Amino acid sequence: MVAAVAQGREVTLDDAPDAADQAVQSYQKELLFSQGTSGHEQLSLVRLALERLHEGTYGACVHCGETIGIKRLEALPWTPYCIECREKIERGELEDTTRAA
């Protein structure tokens, strides 16, 4: 994650000889920053899941308190939401409190 951000900072538009190369480098830079941000978000979710495990609340949806399905936890062990609440978040019916920080 840190390497992706550092690598993104190394890419400069001054090194590009023409507009097409500048566009490619700009896209690559944005991709590297995006990967770094995405990795940071996932790491934060893993840390929060470990906290819930320590507290004894792991496996319960942080919004409604219902049990998160085992298949969902197998696919996304860091997920804080049951599938129903996650769908409501995606439809804009609920606020994703895990991304507020």
PDB file of N, CA and C in Angstrom:
ATOM      1  N   MET A   1       0.824  -1.167   0.000  1.00  0.00           N
ATOM      2  CA  MET A   1       0.000   0.000   0.000  1.00  0.00           C
ATOM      3  C   MET A   1       0.880   1.246   0.000  1.00  0.00           C
ATOM      4  N   VAL A   2       1.811   1.348   0.934  1.00  0.00           N
ATOM      5  CA  VAL A   2       2.694   2.505   1.000  1.00  0.00           C
ATOM      6  C   VAL A   2       3.543   2.594  -0.261  1.00  0.00           C
ATOM      7  N   ALA A   3       3.971   1.444  -0.759  1.00  0.00           N
ATOM      8  CA  ALA A   3       4.779   1.426  -1.978  1.00  0.00           C
ATOM      9  C   ALA A   3       3.992   1.969  -3.164  1.00  0.00           C
ATOM     10  N   ALA A   4       2.699   1.635  -3.234  1.00  0.00           N
ATOM     11  CA  ALA A   4       1.873   2.119  -4.345  1.00  0.00           C
ATOM     12  C   ALA A   4       1.755   3.640  -4.304  1.00  0.00           C
ATOM     13  N   VAL A   5       1.582   4.211  -3.115  1.00  0.00           N
ATOM     14  CA  VAL A   5       1.479   5.664  -2.990  1.00  0.00           C
ATOM     15  C   VAL A   5       2.810   6.318  -3.342  1.00  0.00           C
ATOM     16  N   ALA A   6       3.908   5.751  -2.837  1.00  0.00           N
ATOM     17  CA  ALA A   6       5.231   6.301  -3.141  1.00  0.00           C
ATOM     18  C   ALA A   6       5.506   6.228  -4.636  1.00  0.00           C
ATOM     19  N   GLN A   7       5.146   5.102  -5.245  1.00  0.00           N
ATOM     20  CA  GLN A   7       5.350   4.941  -6.682  1.00  0.00           C
ATOM     21  C   GLN A   7       4.503   5.955  -7.452  1.00  0.00           C
ATOM     22  N   GLY A   8       3.286   6.204  -6.977  1.00  0.00           N
ATOM     23  CA  GLY A   8       2.421   7.186  -7.628  1.00  0.00           C
ATOM     24  C   GLY A   8       2.990   8.582  -7.561  1.00  0.00           C
ATOM     25  N   ARG A   9       3.653   8.900  -6.479  1.00  0.00           N
ATOM     26  CA  ARG A   9       4.254  10.224  -6.336  1.00  0.00           C
ATOM     27  C   ARG A   9       5.464  10.397  -7.236  1.00  0.00           C
ATOM     28  N   GLU A  10       6.120   9.287  -7.586  1.00  0.00           N
ATOM     29  CA  GLU A  10       7.302   9.361  -8.447  1.00  0.00           C
ATOM     30  C   GLU A  10       6.947   9.699  -9.889  1.00  0.00           C
ATOM     31  N   VAL A  11       5.743   9.325 -10.316  1.00  0.00           N
ATOM     32  CA  VAL A  11       5.309   9.573 -11.686  1.00  0.00           C
ATOM     33  C   VAL A  11       5.000  11.056 -11.834  1.00  0.00           C
ATOM     34  N   THR A  12       5.669  11.729 -12.745  1.00  0.00           N
ATOM     35  CA  THR A  12       5.414  13.149 -12.976  1.00  0.00           C
ATOM     36  C   THR A  12       5.083  13.384 -14.432  1.00  0.00           C
ATOM     37  N   LEU A  13       4.287  14.394 -14.673  1.00  0.00           N
ATOM     38  CA  LEU A  13       3.898  14.719 -16.038  1.00  0.00           C
ATOM     39  C   LEU A  13       5.048  15.369 -16.808  1.00  0.00           C
ATOM     40  N   ASP A  14       6.042  15.918 -16.103  1.00  0.00           N
ATOM     41  CA  ASP A  14       7.171  16.555 -16.771  1.00  0.00           C
ATOM     42  C   ASP A  14       8.002  15.546 -17.567  1.00  0.00           C
ATOM     43  N   ASP A  15       7.953  14.273 -17.175  1.00  0.00           N
ATOM     44  CA  ASP A  15       8.727  13.241 -17.847  1.00  0.00           C
ATOM     45  C   ASP A  15       8.094  12.808 -19.177  1.00  0.00           C
ATOM     46  N   ALA A  16       6.845  13.156 -19.400  1.00  0.00           N
ATOM     47  CA  ALA A  16       6.126  12.692 -20.585  1.00  0.00           C
ATOM     48  C   ALA A  16       6.361  13.637 -21.768  1.00  0.00           C
ATOM     49  N   PRO A  17       6.755  13.086 -22.913  1.00  0.00           N
ATOM     50  CA  PRO A  17       7.041  13.923 -24.071  1.00  0.00           C
ATOM     51  C   PRO A  17       5.796  14.434 -24.817  1.00  0.00           C
ATOM     52  N   ASP A  18       4.663  13.744 -24.714  1.00  0.00           N
ATOM     53  CA  ASP A  18       3.491  14.219 -25.455  1.00  0.00           C
ATOM     54  C   ASP A  18       2.220  13.990 -24.642  1.00  0.00           C
ATOM     55  N   ALA A  19       1.093  14.471 -25.189  1.00  0.00           N
ATOM     56  CA  ALA A  19      -0.182  14.425 -24.469  1.00  0.00           C
ATOM     57  C   ALA A  19      -0.645  12.999 -24.203  1.00  0.00           C
ATOM     58  N   ALA A  20      -0.427  12.090 -25.152  1.00  0.00           N
ATOM     59  CA  ALA A  20      -0.851  10.697 -24.963  1.00  0.00           C
ATOM     60  C   ALA A  20      -0.083  10.055 -23.809  1.00  0.00           C
ATOM     61  N   ASP A  21       1.227  10.279 -23.765  1.00  0.00           N
ATOM     62  CA  ASP A  21       2.034   9.741 -22.671  1.00  0.00           C
ATOM     63  C   ASP A  21       1.626  10.364 -21.340  1.00  0.00           C
ATOM     64  N   GLN A  22       1.311  11.655 -21.359  1.00  0.00           N
ATOM     65  CA  GLN A  22       0.865  12.314 -20.139  1.00  0.00           C
ATOM     66  C   GLN A  22      -0.439  11.705 -19.640  1.00  0.00           C
ATOM     67  N   ALA A  23      -1.351  11.410 -20.562  1.00  0.00           N
ATOM     68  CA  ALA A  23      -2.633  10.813 -20.180  1.00  0.00           C
ATOM     69  C   ALA A  23      -2.416   9.429 -19.563  1.00  0.00           C
ATOM     70  N   VAL A  24      -1.551   8.625 -20.166  1.00  0.00           N
ATOM     71  CA  VAL A  24      -1.253   7.296 -19.641  1.00  0.00           C
ATOM     72  C   VAL A  24      -0.634   7.404 -18.251  1.00  0.00           C
ATOM     73  N   GLN A  25       0.324   8.308 -18.091  1.00  0.00           N
ATOM     74  CA  GLN A  25       0.979   8.464 -16.795  1.00  0.00           C
ATOM     75  C   GLN A  25       0.006   8.988 -15.740  1.00  0.00           C
ATOM     76  N   SER A  26      -0.871   9.871 -16.127  1.00  0.00           N
ATOM     77  CA  SER A  26      -1.868  10.393 -15.203  1.00  0.00           C
ATOM     78  C   SER A  26      -2.800   9.270 -14.744  1.00  0.00           C
ATOM     79  N   TYR A  27      -3.228   8.437 -15.683  1.00  0.00           N
ATOM     80  CA  TYR A  27      -4.082   7.293 -15.355  1.00  0.00           C
ATOM     81  C   TYR A  27      -3.350   6.336 -14.413  1.00  0.00           C
ATOM     82  N   GLN A  28      -2.088   6.040 -14.706  1.00  0.00           N
ATOM     83  CA  GLN A  28      -1.310   5.130 -13.865  1.00  0.00           C
ATOM     84  C   GLN A  28      -1.160   5.689 -12.449  1.00  0.00           C
ATOM     85  N   LYS A  29      -0.927   6.968 -12.357  1.00  0.00           N
ATOM     86  CA  LYS A  29      -0.771   7.616 -11.057  1.00  0.00           C
ATOM     87  C   LYS A  29      -2.074   7.507 -10.261  1.00  0.00           C
ATOM     88  N   GLU A  30      -3.180   7.798 -10.904  1.00  0.00           N
ATOM     89  CA  GLU A  30      -4.484   7.710 -10.244  1.00  0.00           C
ATOM     90  C   GLU A  30      -4.763   6.273  -9.801  1.00  0.00           C
ATOM     91  N   LEU A  31      -4.416   5.305 -10.624  1.00  0.00           N
ATOM     92  CA  LEU A  31      -4.606   3.893 -10.290  1.00  0.00           C
ATOM     93  C   LEU A  31      -3.788   3.509  -9.066  1.00  0.00           C
ATOM     94  N   LEU A  32      -2.549   3.954  -9.001  1.00  0.00           N
ATOM     95  CA  LEU A  32      -1.694   3.648  -7.853  1.00  0.00           C
ATOM     96  C   LEU A  32      -2.248   4.255  -6.566  1.00  0.00           C
ATOM     97  N   PHE A  33      -2.714   5.494  -6.619  1.00  0.00           N
ATOM     98  CA  PHE A  33      -3.307   6.115  -5.439  1.00  0.00           C
ATOM     99  C   PHE A  33      -4.590   5.390  -5.034  1.00  0.00           C
ATOM    100  N   SER A  34      -5.372   4.987  -6.013  1.00  0.00           N
ATOM    101  CA  SER A  34      -6.603   4.267  -5.733  1.00  0.00           C
ATOM    102  C   SER A  34      -6.315   2.938  -5.044  1.00  0.00           C
ATOM    103  N   GLN A  35      -5.300   2.224  -5.517  1.00  0.00           N
ATOM    104  CA  GLN A  35      -4.928   0.949  -4.902  1.00  0.00           C
ATOM    105  C   GLN A  35      -4.473   1.156  -3.462  1.00  0.00           C
ATOM    106  N   GLY A  36      -3.732   2.222  -3.220  1.00  0.00           N
ATOM    107  CA  GLY A  36      -3.278   2.519  -1.865  1.00  0.00           C
ATOM    108  C   GLY A  36      -4.437   2.821  -0.939  1.00  0.00           C
ATOM    109  N   THR A  37      -5.390   3.601  -1.421  1.00  0.00           N
ATOM    110  CA  THR A  37      -6.563   3.952  -0.631  1.00  0.00           C
ATOM    111  C   THR A  37      -7.412   2.719  -0.351  1.00  0.00           C
ATOM    112  N   SER A  38      -7.617   1.906  -1.365  1.00  0.00           N
ATOM    113  CA  SER A  38      -8.411   0.693  -1.226  1.00  0.00           C
ATOM    114  C   SER A  38      -7.780  -0.255  -0.216  1.00  0.00           C
ATOM    115  N   GLY A  39      -6.461  -0.400  -0.267  1.00  0.00           N
ATOM    116  CA  GLY A  39      -5.755  -1.267   0.676  1.00  0.00           C
ATOM    117  C   GLY A  39      -5.887  -0.755   2.096  1.00  0.00           C
ATOM    118  N   HIS A  40      -5.831   0.567   2.256  1.00  0.00           N
ATOM    119  CA  HIS A  40      -5.977   1.175   3.581  1.00  0.00           C
ATOM    120  C   HIS A  40      -7.378   0.926   4.140  1.00  0.00           C
ATOM    121  N   GLU A  41      -8.395   1.070   3.310  1.00  0.00           N
ATOM    122  CA  GLU A  41      -9.774   0.841   3.748  1.00  0.00           C
ATOM    123  C   GLU A  41      -9.967  -0.606   4.186  1.00  0.00           C
ATOM    124  N   GLN A  42      -9.425  -1.547   3.411  1.00  0.00           N
ATOM    125  CA  GLN A  42      -9.576  -2.953   3.764  1.00  0.00           C
ATOM    126  C   GLN A  42      -8.839  -3.261   5.073  1.00  0.00           C
ATOM    127  N   LEU A  43      -7.654  -2.715   5.253  1.00  0.00           N
ATOM    128  CA  LEU A  43      -6.909  -2.914   6.486  1.00  0.00           C
ATOM    129  C   LEU A  43      -7.689  -2.367   7.684  1.00  0.00           C
ATOM    130  N   SER A  44      -8.323  -1.227   7.519  1.00  0.00           N
ATOM    131  CA  SER A  44      -9.148  -0.658   8.592  1.00  0.00           C
ATOM    132  C   SER A  44     -10.312  -1.579   8.936  1.00  0.00           C
ATOM    133  N   LEU A  45     -10.946  -2.153   7.912  1.00  0.00           N
ATOM    134  CA  LEU A  45     -12.057  -3.079   8.147  1.00  0.00           C
ATOM    135  C   LEU A  45     -11.590  -4.345   8.860  1.00  0.00           C
ATOM    136  N   VAL A  46     -10.401  -4.826   8.528  1.00  0.00           N
ATOM    137  CA  VAL A  46      -9.844  -6.013   9.197  1.00  0.00           C
ATOM    138  C   VAL A  46      -9.580  -5.692  10.666  1.00  0.00           C
ATOM    139  N   ARG A  47      -9.004  -4.529  10.929  1.00  0.00           N
ATOM    140  CA  ARG A  47      -8.743  -4.131  12.322  1.00  0.00           C
ATOM    141  C   ARG A  47     -10.039  -4.030  13.124  1.00  0.00           C
ATOM    142  N   LEU A  48     -11.073  -3.452  12.527  1.00  0.00           N
ATOM    143  CA  LEU A  48     -12.364  -3.351  13.208  1.00  0.00           C
ATOM    144  C   LEU A  48     -12.957  -4.737  13.462  1.00  0.00           C
ATOM    145  N   ALA A  49     -12.788  -5.656  12.509  1.00  0.00           N
ATOM    146  CA  ALA A  49     -13.279  -7.030  12.693  1.00  0.00           C
ATOM    147  C   ALA A  49     -12.543  -7.708  13.839  1.00  0.00           C
ATOM    148  N   LEU A  50     -11.246  -7.479  13.942  1.00  0.00           N
ATOM    149  CA  LEU A  50     -10.476  -8.052  15.053  1.00  0.00           C
ATOM    150  C   LEU A  50     -10.944  -7.475  16.394  1.00  0.00           C
ATOM    151  N   GLU A  51     -11.281  -6.194  16.408  1.00  0.00           N
ATOM    152  CA  GLU A  51     -11.823  -5.586  17.636  1.00  0.00           C
ATOM    153  C   GLU A  51     -13.145  -6.241  18.021  1.00  0.00           C
ATOM    154  N   ARG A  52     -14.018  -6.463  17.016  1.00  0.00           N
ATOM    155  CA  ARG A  52     -15.308  -7.116  17.300  1.00  0.00           C
ATOM    156  C   ARG A  52     -15.085  -8.538  17.792  1.00  0.00           C
ATOM    157  N   LEU A  53     -14.107  -9.226  17.237  1.00  0.00           N
ATOM    158  CA  LEU A  53     -13.782 -10.580  17.677  1.00  0.00           C
ATOM    159  C   LEU A  53     -13.366 -10.553  19.151  1.00  0.00           C
ATOM    160  N   HIS A  54     -12.505  -9.611  19.499  1.00  0.00           N
ATOM    161  CA  HIS A  54     -12.030  -9.453  20.882  1.00  0.00           C
ATOM    162  C   HIS A  54     -13.187  -9.113  21.828  1.00  0.00           C
ATOM    163  N   GLU A  55     -14.130  -8.289  21.366  1.00  0.00           N
ATOM    164  CA  GLU A  55     -15.274  -7.866  22.179  1.00  0.00           C
ATOM    165  C   GLU A  55     -16.364  -8.938  22.256  1.00  0.00           C
ATOM    166  N   GLY A  56     -16.291  -9.922  21.357  1.00  0.00           N
ATOM    167  CA  GLY A  56     -17.310 -10.964  21.332  1.00  0.00           C
ATOM    168  C   GLY A  56     -18.508 -10.621  20.473  1.00  0.00           C
ATOM    169  N   THR A  57     -18.397  -9.594  19.642  1.00  0.00           N
ATOM    170  CA  THR A  57     -19.516  -9.195  18.781  1.00  0.00           C
ATOM    171  C   THR A  57     -19.281  -9.551  17.319  1.00  0.00           C
ATOM    172  N   TYR A  58     -18.170 -10.226  17.019  1.00  0.00           N
ATOM    173  CA  TYR A  58     -17.875 -10.610  15.630  1.00  0.00           C
ATOM    174  C   TYR A  58     -18.967 -11.541  15.122  1.00  0.00           C
ATOM    175  N   GLY A  59     -19.398 -11.296  13.906  1.00  0.00           N
ATOM    176  CA  GLY A  59     -20.429 -12.131  13.289  1.00  0.00           C
ATOM    177  C   GLY A  59     -21.820 -11.536  13.416  1.00  0.00           C
ATOM    178  N   ALA A  60     -21.936 -10.431  14.154  1.00  0.00           N
ATOM    179  CA  ALA A  60     -23.214  -9.738  14.264  1.00  0.00           C
ATOM    180  C   ALA A  60     -23.122  -8.429  13.474  1.00  0.00           C
ATOM    181  N   CYS A  61     -24.150  -8.121  12.754  1.00  0.00           N
ATOM    182  CA  CYS A  61     -24.197  -6.885  11.966  1.00  0.00           C
ATOM    183  C   CYS A  61     -24.102  -5.685  12.906  1.00  0.00           C
ATOM    184  N   VAL A  62     -23.220  -4.737  12.583  1.00  0.00           N
ATOM    185  CA  VAL A  62     -23.051  -3.560  13.446  1.00  0.00           C
ATOM    186  C   VAL A  62     -24.240  -2.611  13.366  1.00  0.00           C
ATOM    187  N   HIS A  63     -25.097  -2.780  12.365  1.00  0.00           N
ATOM    188  CA  HIS A  63     -26.264  -1.901  12.257  1.00  0.00           C
ATOM    189  C   HIS A  63     -27.489  -2.516  12.942  1.00  0.00           C
ATOM    190  N   CYS A  64     -27.875  -3.699  12.515  1.00  0.00           N
ATOM    191  CA  CYS A  64     -29.118  -4.285  13.016  1.00  0.00           C
ATOM    192  C   CYS A  64     -28.912  -5.331  14.108  1.00  0.00           C
ATOM    193  N   GLY A  65     -27.688  -5.818  14.258  1.00  0.00           N
ATOM    194  CA  GLY A  65     -27.398  -6.813  15.289  1.00  0.00           C
ATOM    195  C   GLY A  65     -27.699  -8.241  14.890  1.00  0.00           C
ATOM    196  N   GLU A  66     -28.287  -8.429  13.718  1.00  0.00           N
ATOM    197  CA  GLU A  66     -28.580  -9.790  13.254  1.00  0.00           C
ATOM    198  C   GLU A  66     -27.280 -10.523  12.921  1.00  0.00           C
ATOM    199  N   THR A  67     -27.339 -11.845  12.957  1.00  0.00           N
ATOM    200  CA  THR A  67     -26.176 -12.667  12.638  1.00  0.00           C
ATOM    201  C   THR A  67     -25.849 -12.550  11.154  1.00  0.00           C
ATOM    202  N   ILE A  68     -24.584 -12.326  10.846  1.00  0.00           N
ATOM    203  CA  ILE A  68     -24.122 -12.281   9.454  1.00  0.00           C
ATOM    204  C   ILE A  68     -23.972 -13.723   8.987  1.00  0.00           C
ATOM    205  N   GLY A  69     -24.478 -14.025   7.815  1.00  0.00           N
ATOM    206  CA  GLY A  69     -24.432 -15.379   7.284  1.00  0.00           C
ATOM    207  C   GLY A  69     -23.013 -15.926   7.178  1.00  0.00           C
ATOM    208  N   ILE A  70     -22.858 -17.215   7.431  1.00  0.00           N
ATOM    209  CA  ILE A  70     -21.542 -17.858   7.414  1.00  0.00           C
ATOM    210  C   ILE A  70     -20.883 -17.764   6.038  1.00  0.00           C
ATOM    211  N   LYS A  71     -21.669 -17.900   4.983  1.00  0.00           N
ATOM    212  CA  LYS A  71     -21.103 -17.803   3.633  1.00  0.00           C
ATOM    213  C   LYS A  71     -20.560 -16.395   3.384  1.00  0.00           C
ATOM    214  N   ARG A  72     -21.269 -15.380   3.893  1.00  0.00           N
ATOM    215  CA  ARG A  72     -20.804 -13.999   3.737  1.00  0.00           C
ATOM    216  C   ARG A  72     -19.513 -13.786   4.516  1.00  0.00           C
ATOM    217  N   LEU A  73     -19.445 -14.325   5.730  1.00  0.00           N
ATOM    218  CA  LEU A  73     -18.230 -14.195   6.528  1.00  0.00           C
ATOM    219  C   LEU A  73     -17.063 -14.969   5.913  1.00  0.00           C
ATOM    220  N   GLU A  74     -17.358 -16.084   5.271  1.00  0.00           N
ATOM    221  CA  GLU A  74     -16.298 -16.828   4.588  1.00  0.00           C
ATOM    222  C   GLU A  74     -15.753 -16.029   3.406  1.00  0.00           C
ATOM    223  N   ALA A  75     -16.635 -15.321   2.708  1.00  0.00           N
ATOM    224  CA  ALA A  75     -16.218 -14.536   1.542  1.00  0.00           C
ATOM    225  C   ALA A  75     -15.557 -13.225   1.957  1.00  0.00           C
ATOM    226  N   LEU A  76     -16.100 -12.570   2.976  1.00  0.00           N
ATOM    227  CA  LEU A  76     -15.600 -11.274   3.457  1.00  0.00           C
ATOM    228  C   LEU A  76     -15.514 -11.319   4.984  1.00  0.00           C
ATOM    229  N   PRO A  77     -14.484 -11.929   5.539  1.00  0.00           N
ATOM    230  CA  PRO A  77     -14.425 -12.086   7.000  1.00  0.00           C
ATOM    231  C   PRO A  77     -14.378 -10.773   7.765  1.00  0.00           C
ATOM    232  N   TRP A  78     -14.066  -9.673   7.113  1.00  0.00           N
ATOM    233  CA  TRP A  78     -13.996  -8.371   7.779  1.00  0.00           C
ATOM    234  C   TRP A  78     -15.298  -7.583   7.672  1.00  0.00           C
ATOM    235  N   THR A  79     -16.299  -8.126   7.020  1.00  0.00           N
ATOM    236  CA  THR A  79     -17.535  -7.372   6.796  1.00  0.00           C
ATOM    237  C   THR A  79     -18.234  -7.039   8.103  1.00  0.00           C
ATOM    238  N   PRO A  80     -18.638  -5.782   8.270  1.00  0.00           N
ATOM    239  CA  PRO A  80     -19.353  -5.404   9.489  1.00  0.00           C
ATOM    240  C   PRO A  80     -20.879  -5.503   9.343  1.00  0.00           C
ATOM    241  N   TYR A  81     -21.367  -5.795   8.135  1.00  0.00           N
ATOM    242  CA  TYR A  81     -22.800  -5.753   7.873  1.00  0.00           C
ATOM    243  C   TYR A  81     -23.338  -7.072   7.340  1.00  0.00           C
ATOM    244  N   CYS A  82     -24.587  -7.363   7.713  1.00  0.00           N
ATOM    245  CA  CYS A  82     -25.290  -8.480   7.085  1.00  0.00           C
ATOM    246  C   CYS A  82     -25.611  -8.062   5.645  1.00  0.00           C
ATOM    247  N   ILE A  83     -26.007  -8.998   4.839  1.00  0.00           N
ATOM    248  CA  ILE A  83     -26.257  -8.707   3.419  1.00  0.00           C
ATOM    249  C   ILE A  83     -27.411  -7.707   3.250  1.00  0.00           C
ATOM    250  N   GLU A  84     -28.439  -7.810   4.102  1.00  0.00           N
ATOM    251  CA  GLU A  84     -29.580  -6.906   3.979  1.00  0.00           C
ATOM    252  C   GLU A  84     -29.166  -5.458   4.244  1.00  0.00           C
ATOM    253  N   CYS A  85     -28.391  -5.237   5.305  1.00  0.00           N
ATOM    254  CA  CYS A  85     -27.950  -3.871   5.614  1.00  0.00           C
ATOM    255  C   CYS A  85     -26.975  -3.355   4.563  1.00  0.00           C
ATOM    256  N   ARG A  86     -26.097  -4.232   4.045  1.00  0.00           N
ATOM    257  CA  ARG A  86     -25.158  -3.817   2.996  1.00  0.00           C
ATOM    258  C   ARG A  86     -25.921  -3.357   1.762  1.00  0.00           C
ATOM    259  N   GLU A  87     -26.990  -4.085   1.406  1.00  0.00           N
ATOM    260  CA  GLU A  87     -27.802  -3.697   0.245  1.00  0.00           C
ATOM    261  C   GLU A  87     -28.488  -2.353   0.487  1.00  0.00           C
ATOM    262  N   LYS A  88     -28.948  -2.113   1.718  1.00  0.00           N
ATOM    263  CA  LYS A  88     -29.574  -0.822   2.042  1.00  0.00           C
ATOM    264  C   LYS A  88     -28.550   0.304   1.918  1.00  0.00           C
ATOM    265  N   ILE A  89     -27.316   0.053   2.336  1.00  0.00           N
ATOM    266  CA  ILE A  89     -26.254   1.056   2.204  1.00  0.00           C
ATOM    267  C   ILE A  89     -26.016   1.372   0.737  1.00  0.00           C
ATOM    268  N   GLU A  90     -25.964   0.337  -0.084  1.00  0.00           N
ATOM    269  CA  GLU A  90     -25.713   0.538  -1.515  1.00  0.00           C
ATOM    270  C   GLU A  90     -26.856   1.279  -2.194  1.00  0.00           C
ATOM    271  N   ARG A  91     -28.075   1.128  -1.672  1.00  0.00           N
ATOM    272  CA  ARG A  91     -29.231   1.861  -2.225  1.00  0.00           C
ATOM    273  C   ARG A  91     -29.362   3.256  -1.622  1.00  0.00           C
ATOM    274  N   GLY A  92     -28.517   3.593  -0.653  1.00  0.00           N
ATOM    275  CA  GLY A  92     -28.559   4.907  -0.023  1.00  0.00           C
ATOM    276  C   GLY A  92     -29.576   5.021   1.089  1.00  0.00           C
ATOM    277  N   GLU A  93     -30.099   3.906   1.554  1.00  0.00           N
ATOM    278  CA  GLU A  93     -31.106   3.924   2.621  1.00  0.00           C
ATOM    279  C   GLU A  93     -30.474   3.961   4.007  1.00  0.00           C
ATOM    280  N   LEU A  94     -29.227   3.546   4.121  1.00  0.00           N
ATOM    281  CA  LEU A  94     -28.481   3.572   5.377  1.00  0.00           C
ATOM    282  C   LEU A  94     -27.121   4.228   5.141  1.00  0.00           C
ATOM    283  N   GLU A  95     -26.560   4.807   6.197  1.00  0.00           N
ATOM    284  CA  GLU A  95     -25.225   5.383   6.118  1.00  0.00           C
ATOM    285  C   GLU A  95     -24.201   4.309   6.485  1.00  0.00           C
ATOM    286  N   ASP A  96     -23.124   4.251   5.724  1.00  0.00           N
ATOM    287  CA  ASP A  96     -22.033   3.319   6.014  1.00  0.00           C
ATOM    288  C   ASP A  96     -21.148   3.963   7.079  1.00  0.00           C
ATOM    289  N   THR A  97     -21.355   3.581   8.311  1.00  0.00           N
ATOM    290  CA  THR A  97     -20.614   4.185   9.419  1.00  0.00           C
ATOM    291  C   THR A  97     -19.155   3.760   9.460  1.00  0.00           C
ATOM    292  N   THR A  98     -18.793   2.693   8.773  1.00  0.00           N
ATOM    293  CA  THR A  98     -17.403   2.240   8.783  1.00  0.00           C
ATOM    294  C   THR A  98     -16.527   3.111   7.891  1.00  0.00           C
ATOM    295  N   ARG A  99     -17.103   3.881   6.983  1.00  0.00           N
ATOM    296  CA  ARG A  99     -16.320   4.749   6.082  1.00  0.00           C
ATOM    297  C   ARG A  99     -16.372   6.206   6.493  1.00  0.00           C
ATOM    298  N   ALA A 100     -16.989   6.485   7.595  1.00  0.00           N
ATOM    299  CA  ALA A 100     -17.129   7.871   8.043  1.00  0.00           C
ATOM    300  C   ALA A 100     -15.808   8.440   8.559  1.00  0.00           C
ATOM    301  N   ALA A 101     -14.892   7.569   8.956  1.00  0.00           N
ATOM    302  CA  ALA A 101     -13.625   8.034   9.542  1.00  0.00           C
ATOM    303  C   ALA A 101     -12.666   8.587   8.538  1.00  0.00           C
TER     304      ALA A 101
END
